[in-house]
Protein backbone atom coordinates (compact mmCIF):
# COMPACT_ATOMS: atom_id res chain seq x y z
CA MET A 1 0.00 0.01 0.08
CA ILE A 2 1.37 3.24 -1.12
CA THR A 3 0.58 6.31 1.13
CA THR A 4 1.18 9.99 0.28
CA GLU A 5 2.44 11.98 3.05
CA ILE A 6 1.24 15.68 2.97
CA SER A 7 3.85 17.99 4.37
CA PRO A 8 3.18 21.49 5.47
CA LYS A 9 4.92 22.74 2.42
CA THR A 10 2.66 20.63 0.15
CA GLU A 11 -0.35 21.87 1.90
CA LEU A 12 0.61 25.46 1.50
CA LEU A 13 1.06 24.91 -2.36
CA THR A 14 -2.37 23.42 -2.69
CA LYS A 15 -4.10 26.49 -1.16
CA VAL A 16 -6.11 28.58 -3.61
CA ILE A 17 -4.31 31.91 -4.08
CA PRO A 18 -7.06 34.70 -4.70
CA ASP A 19 -6.80 36.72 -7.86
CA TRP A 20 -5.01 39.94 -7.47
CA GLU A 21 -7.02 42.90 -8.39
CA PRO A 22 -5.47 46.32 -9.09
CA PRO A 23 -6.61 49.30 -7.08
CA MET A 24 -9.49 51.08 -8.51
CA PRO A 25 -9.06 54.69 -9.81
CA PRO A 26 -10.61 57.40 -7.74
CA THR A 27 -14.39 58.17 -8.34
CA ASP A 28 -14.77 61.32 -6.19
CA LEU A 29 -13.55 63.65 -8.87
CA ILE A 30 -14.34 67.37 -8.85
CA PHE A 31 -14.72 69.20 -12.12
CA ASP A 32 -15.19 72.72 -10.99
CA ASP A 33 -12.97 74.53 -8.42
CA GLY A 34 -14.97 77.90 -8.60
CA GLU A 35 -12.00 79.74 -10.18
CA LEU A 36 -12.76 82.04 -13.13
CA LEU A 37 -10.44 82.73 -16.10
CA GLU A 38 -8.14 85.68 -15.68
CA SER A 39 -10.44 88.13 -17.44
CA LYS A 40 -13.34 88.56 -19.78
CA ARG A 41 -10.90 88.69 -22.68
CA HIS A 42 -9.47 85.33 -21.72
CA ARG A 43 -12.95 83.87 -21.61
CA ILE A 44 -13.82 85.30 -25.04
CA ALA A 45 -10.42 84.18 -26.45
CA MET A 46 -11.11 80.53 -25.22
CA ASN A 47 -14.68 80.41 -26.62
CA LEU A 48 -13.47 81.92 -29.98
CA LEU A 49 -11.11 78.98 -30.48
CA ILE A 50 -13.66 76.36 -29.41
CA ASP A 51 -16.58 77.92 -31.52
CA SER A 52 -14.51 78.42 -34.67
CA LEU A 53 -13.15 74.87 -34.61
CA TYR A 54 -16.63 73.37 -34.24
CA GLN A 55 -17.71 75.47 -37.09
CA ARG A 56 -14.68 74.42 -39.27
CA TRP A 57 -15.40 70.75 -38.44
CA SER A 58 -19.30 70.95 -38.30
CA ALA A 59 -19.62 67.75 -40.38
CA ARG A 60 -17.17 65.71 -38.18
CA LYS A 61 -17.96 63.56 -35.11
CA ASP A 62 -14.42 62.28 -34.37
CA PHE A 63 -13.02 64.87 -32.14
CA PHE A 64 -13.44 66.50 -28.67
CA VAL A 65 -12.78 70.12 -27.80
CA GLY A 66 -12.63 71.23 -24.15
CA GLY A 67 -12.01 74.63 -22.57
CA ASN A 68 -11.04 75.32 -18.96
CA MET A 69 -11.75 71.70 -18.10
CA PHE A 70 -9.95 69.45 -15.64
CA ILE A 71 -7.88 66.63 -17.07
CA TYR A 72 -7.23 63.73 -14.71
CA TYR A 73 -4.39 61.54 -15.53
CA SER A 74 -3.12 59.87 -12.29
CA SER A 75 -4.48 58.81 -8.99
CA ILE A 76 -1.98 60.93 -7.15
CA GLN A 77 -2.81 64.05 -9.08
CA ALA A 78 -6.40 63.51 -8.57
CA LYS A 79 -6.03 62.96 -4.85
CA ASN A 80 -4.03 66.13 -4.48
CA ARG A 81 -6.18 68.23 -6.68
CA ASP A 82 -3.09 69.98 -7.95
CA PHE A 83 -3.69 70.48 -11.57
CA LYS A 84 -6.18 72.51 -13.39
CA GLY A 85 -6.91 71.66 -17.09
CA PRO A 86 -5.73 73.62 -20.03
CA ASP A 87 -7.68 76.59 -21.40
CA PHE A 88 -8.20 74.82 -24.68
CA PHE A 89 -7.50 71.45 -25.90
CA VAL A 90 -8.32 69.07 -28.73
CA VAL A 91 -8.49 65.18 -28.65
CA LEU A 92 -8.65 63.69 -32.21
CA ASN A 93 -10.09 60.34 -33.31
CA VAL A 94 -12.62 60.01 -30.38
CA GLN A 95 -16.41 60.07 -30.40
CA ASP A 96 -18.00 63.43 -29.52
CA ASP A 97 -21.29 61.93 -28.32
CA THR A 98 -20.43 61.35 -24.77
CA ALA A 99 -21.33 63.81 -21.99
CA ARG A 100 -18.20 64.85 -20.19
CA GLN A 101 -17.59 67.06 -17.24
CA GLY A 102 -13.91 66.85 -17.74
CA TRP A 103 -11.38 64.62 -19.43
CA VAL A 104 -10.52 61.50 -17.35
CA VAL A 105 -7.60 59.61 -19.04
CA TRP A 106 -8.35 56.18 -17.52
CA GLU A 107 -12.03 56.55 -18.81
CA GLU A 108 -10.98 57.55 -22.33
CA ASN A 109 -8.70 54.46 -23.18
CA GLY A 110 -5.58 56.34 -22.06
CA ARG A 111 -6.08 59.07 -24.50
CA TYR A 112 -4.36 62.53 -23.91
CA PRO A 113 -4.86 65.85 -25.76
CA ASP A 114 -3.37 66.08 -29.24
CA VAL A 115 -3.25 69.91 -29.03
CA ILE A 116 -3.27 72.26 -26.18
CA VAL A 117 -3.46 76.05 -26.01
CA GLU A 118 -2.83 78.01 -22.76
CA LEU A 119 -4.15 81.60 -22.64
CA THR A 120 -1.41 82.80 -20.38
CA SER A 121 -0.96 86.01 -18.41
CA PRO A 122 1.95 87.60 -16.37
CA SER A 123 0.52 85.78 -13.28
CA THR A 124 0.52 82.24 -14.87
CA ALA A 125 3.27 82.60 -17.47
CA ASN A 126 5.96 80.93 -15.30
CA VAL A 127 3.71 77.81 -14.66
CA ASP A 128 2.63 77.70 -18.30
CA ILE A 129 5.99 77.58 -19.76
CA GLY A 130 7.45 75.63 -16.83
CA LYS A 131 5.48 73.04 -14.80
CA LYS A 132 2.59 72.71 -17.39
CA LYS A 133 4.87 72.51 -20.33
CA ASP A 134 6.83 69.60 -18.62
CA ILE A 135 3.71 67.77 -17.90
CA TYR A 136 2.40 68.23 -21.50
CA GLU A 137 5.82 67.07 -22.89
CA GLN A 138 6.71 64.11 -20.44
CA THR A 139 3.39 62.79 -19.36
CA PHE A 140 0.83 63.86 -21.80
CA ARG A 141 3.08 63.55 -24.81
CA THR A 142 0.90 66.16 -26.46
CA PRO A 143 2.03 66.71 -29.95
CA TYR A 144 1.36 70.45 -30.12
CA TYR A 145 1.56 73.04 -27.31
CA PHE A 146 0.89 76.76 -27.81
CA ILE A 147 0.59 79.71 -25.43
CA PHE A 148 -0.72 83.21 -26.06
CA ASP A 149 -1.49 86.07 -23.84
CA PRO A 150 -4.72 87.88 -25.02
CA PHE A 151 -3.27 91.24 -23.88
CA ASP A 152 0.04 90.81 -25.67
CA SER A 153 -0.27 90.62 -29.50
CA LYS A 154 3.35 89.40 -29.94
CA SER A 155 3.18 86.68 -27.21
CA LEU A 156 2.35 83.58 -29.45
CA GLN A 157 4.72 80.65 -28.93
CA GLY A 158 4.40 77.01 -29.95
CA TRP A 159 6.14 73.61 -29.60
CA GLU A 160 5.91 70.37 -31.46
CA LEU A 161 6.92 67.05 -29.95
CA GLN A 162 9.78 65.47 -31.62
CA ASN A 163 11.70 62.56 -30.35
CA LYS A 164 9.90 62.91 -26.95
CA LYS A 165 11.14 66.52 -26.53
CA TYR A 166 9.45 69.86 -27.47
CA GLN A 167 11.02 71.71 -30.27
CA LYS A 168 9.98 75.34 -30.78
CA LEU A 169 7.94 76.01 -33.88
CA GLN A 170 9.07 78.70 -36.25
CA LYS A 171 6.73 81.59 -37.32
CA ASN A 172 5.91 82.27 -40.97
CA ASP A 173 6.18 85.71 -42.42
CA LYS A 174 2.82 86.59 -40.79
CA GLY A 175 3.80 85.47 -37.42
CA TRP A 176 1.62 82.36 -37.54
CA LEU A 177 2.42 78.91 -36.39
CA TRP A 178 1.44 75.76 -38.31
CA CYS A 179 -0.30 72.92 -36.50
CA GLN A 180 -0.14 69.77 -38.60
CA ASP A 181 -2.62 67.80 -36.48
CA LEU A 182 -5.27 70.36 -36.96
CA GLU A 183 -4.05 71.18 -40.48
CA LEU A 184 -4.48 74.77 -39.47
CA TRP A 185 -2.45 77.88 -38.70
CA LEU A 186 -2.67 79.58 -35.45
CA GLY A 187 -2.24 83.30 -35.93
CA THR A 188 -3.43 86.70 -34.74
CA TRP A 189 -6.52 88.72 -35.95
CA GLU A 190 -7.57 92.30 -34.88
CA GLY A 191 -11.12 92.90 -34.36
CA THR A 192 -14.06 93.23 -32.01
CA ILE A 193 -15.81 90.24 -30.37
CA MET A 194 -18.56 90.71 -27.95
CA ARG A 195 -17.93 94.45 -27.74
CA GLU A 196 -14.19 93.85 -26.87
CA SER A 197 -11.64 95.07 -29.24
CA ALA A 198 -8.34 93.28 -29.25
CA VAL A 199 -5.84 91.20 -31.17
CA TRP A 200 -7.12 87.60 -30.90
CA LEU A 201 -5.73 84.20 -31.49
CA ARG A 202 -7.59 82.69 -34.54
CA PHE A 203 -7.37 79.70 -36.74
CA TYR A 204 -6.52 79.96 -40.47
CA ASP A 205 -6.63 77.43 -43.13
CA GLU A 206 -3.79 76.14 -45.26
CA GLU A 207 -4.43 78.81 -47.79
CA GLY A 208 -4.51 81.52 -45.18
CA ASN A 209 -8.29 82.10 -44.95
CA LEU A 210 -9.71 82.97 -41.58
CA VAL A 211 -11.73 80.10 -39.98
CA LEU A 212 -15.03 81.82 -39.29
CA LEU A 213 -17.23 81.89 -36.12
CA PRO A 214 -20.88 80.62 -36.53
CA GLY A 215 -22.05 84.24 -36.30
CA GLU A 216 -19.62 85.39 -39.01
CA VAL A 217 -20.76 82.47 -41.29
CA ALA A 218 -24.44 83.64 -40.79
CA GLU A 219 -23.51 87.23 -41.52
CA GLN A 220 -21.60 86.20 -44.62
CA GLU A 221 -24.72 84.11 -45.94
CA LYS A 222 -26.93 87.14 -45.19
CA GLN A 223 -24.74 89.42 -47.07
CA ARG A 224 -24.55 87.03 -50.03
CA ALA A 225 -28.44 86.68 -50.01
CA GLU A 226 -28.79 90.52 -50.03
CA ARG A 227 -26.39 90.82 -52.94
CA LEU A 228 -28.21 88.27 -54.91
CA ALA A 229 -31.57 89.88 -54.19
CA ALA A 230 -30.17 93.29 -55.38
CA LYS A 231 -28.82 91.77 -58.51
CA LEU A 232 -32.16 90.13 -59.33
CA LYS A 233 -33.88 93.37 -58.67
CA GLU A 234 -31.75 95.04 -61.29
CA LEU A 235 -32.72 92.38 -63.59
CA GLY A 236 -36.35 93.01 -62.81
CA ILE A 237 -36.74 89.48 -61.38
CA GLU A 238 -38.64 89.02 -58.01
CA PRO A 239 -36.59 86.67 -55.80
CA ASP A 240 -39.82 84.99 -54.68
CA SER A 241 -40.46 84.03 -58.36
CA ILE A 242 -37.30 81.88 -58.48
């Protein structure tokens, strides 16, 4: 008769080891710290970029644009509440049919912004070009980063990520910077928006045409219709008869 002797070591090996589960990411996220943008001009500048890009890509559903929104990218950062989101950012190749209070990287398949713009000021410049730039370069790996002070028309700067390091973009003869991921120029435009006259940061297409706001497109269509009506009147044709 053969007997099998079970030693303490053998008994330990036969015990079922429970499956290891990684710690869950935090769920008690806040998305509003009550802080306002630097000024009315900063708020207008942010909305100008958002609205014009949505107008430009009105037929597309494969991108997300955020403004002054929190971006959560690590449990430590979420716990410490030590990072406020960019003034303007774009994430490409994602569905824009999801309601989002902020951008939570672990809920977005690890996706980070492809383009970031910070609307800087003297009080935030050191952070925007220091700590934030380092995070966007080393953690986010965001391909394009731009900064612009709405109160300083010559302040536009930009960087492109090359070999894991930001390289400064060179301006064209108009002082604009090219963003390949958006296939658009970022440049300045002088005019009045919401009764605020200033030099604004705007998008331009590859041919140098200004990317219009929804209101500007509507005004353009109105003027076109008025010119057509006037032309028809000269020809003795009533517009309603067409």
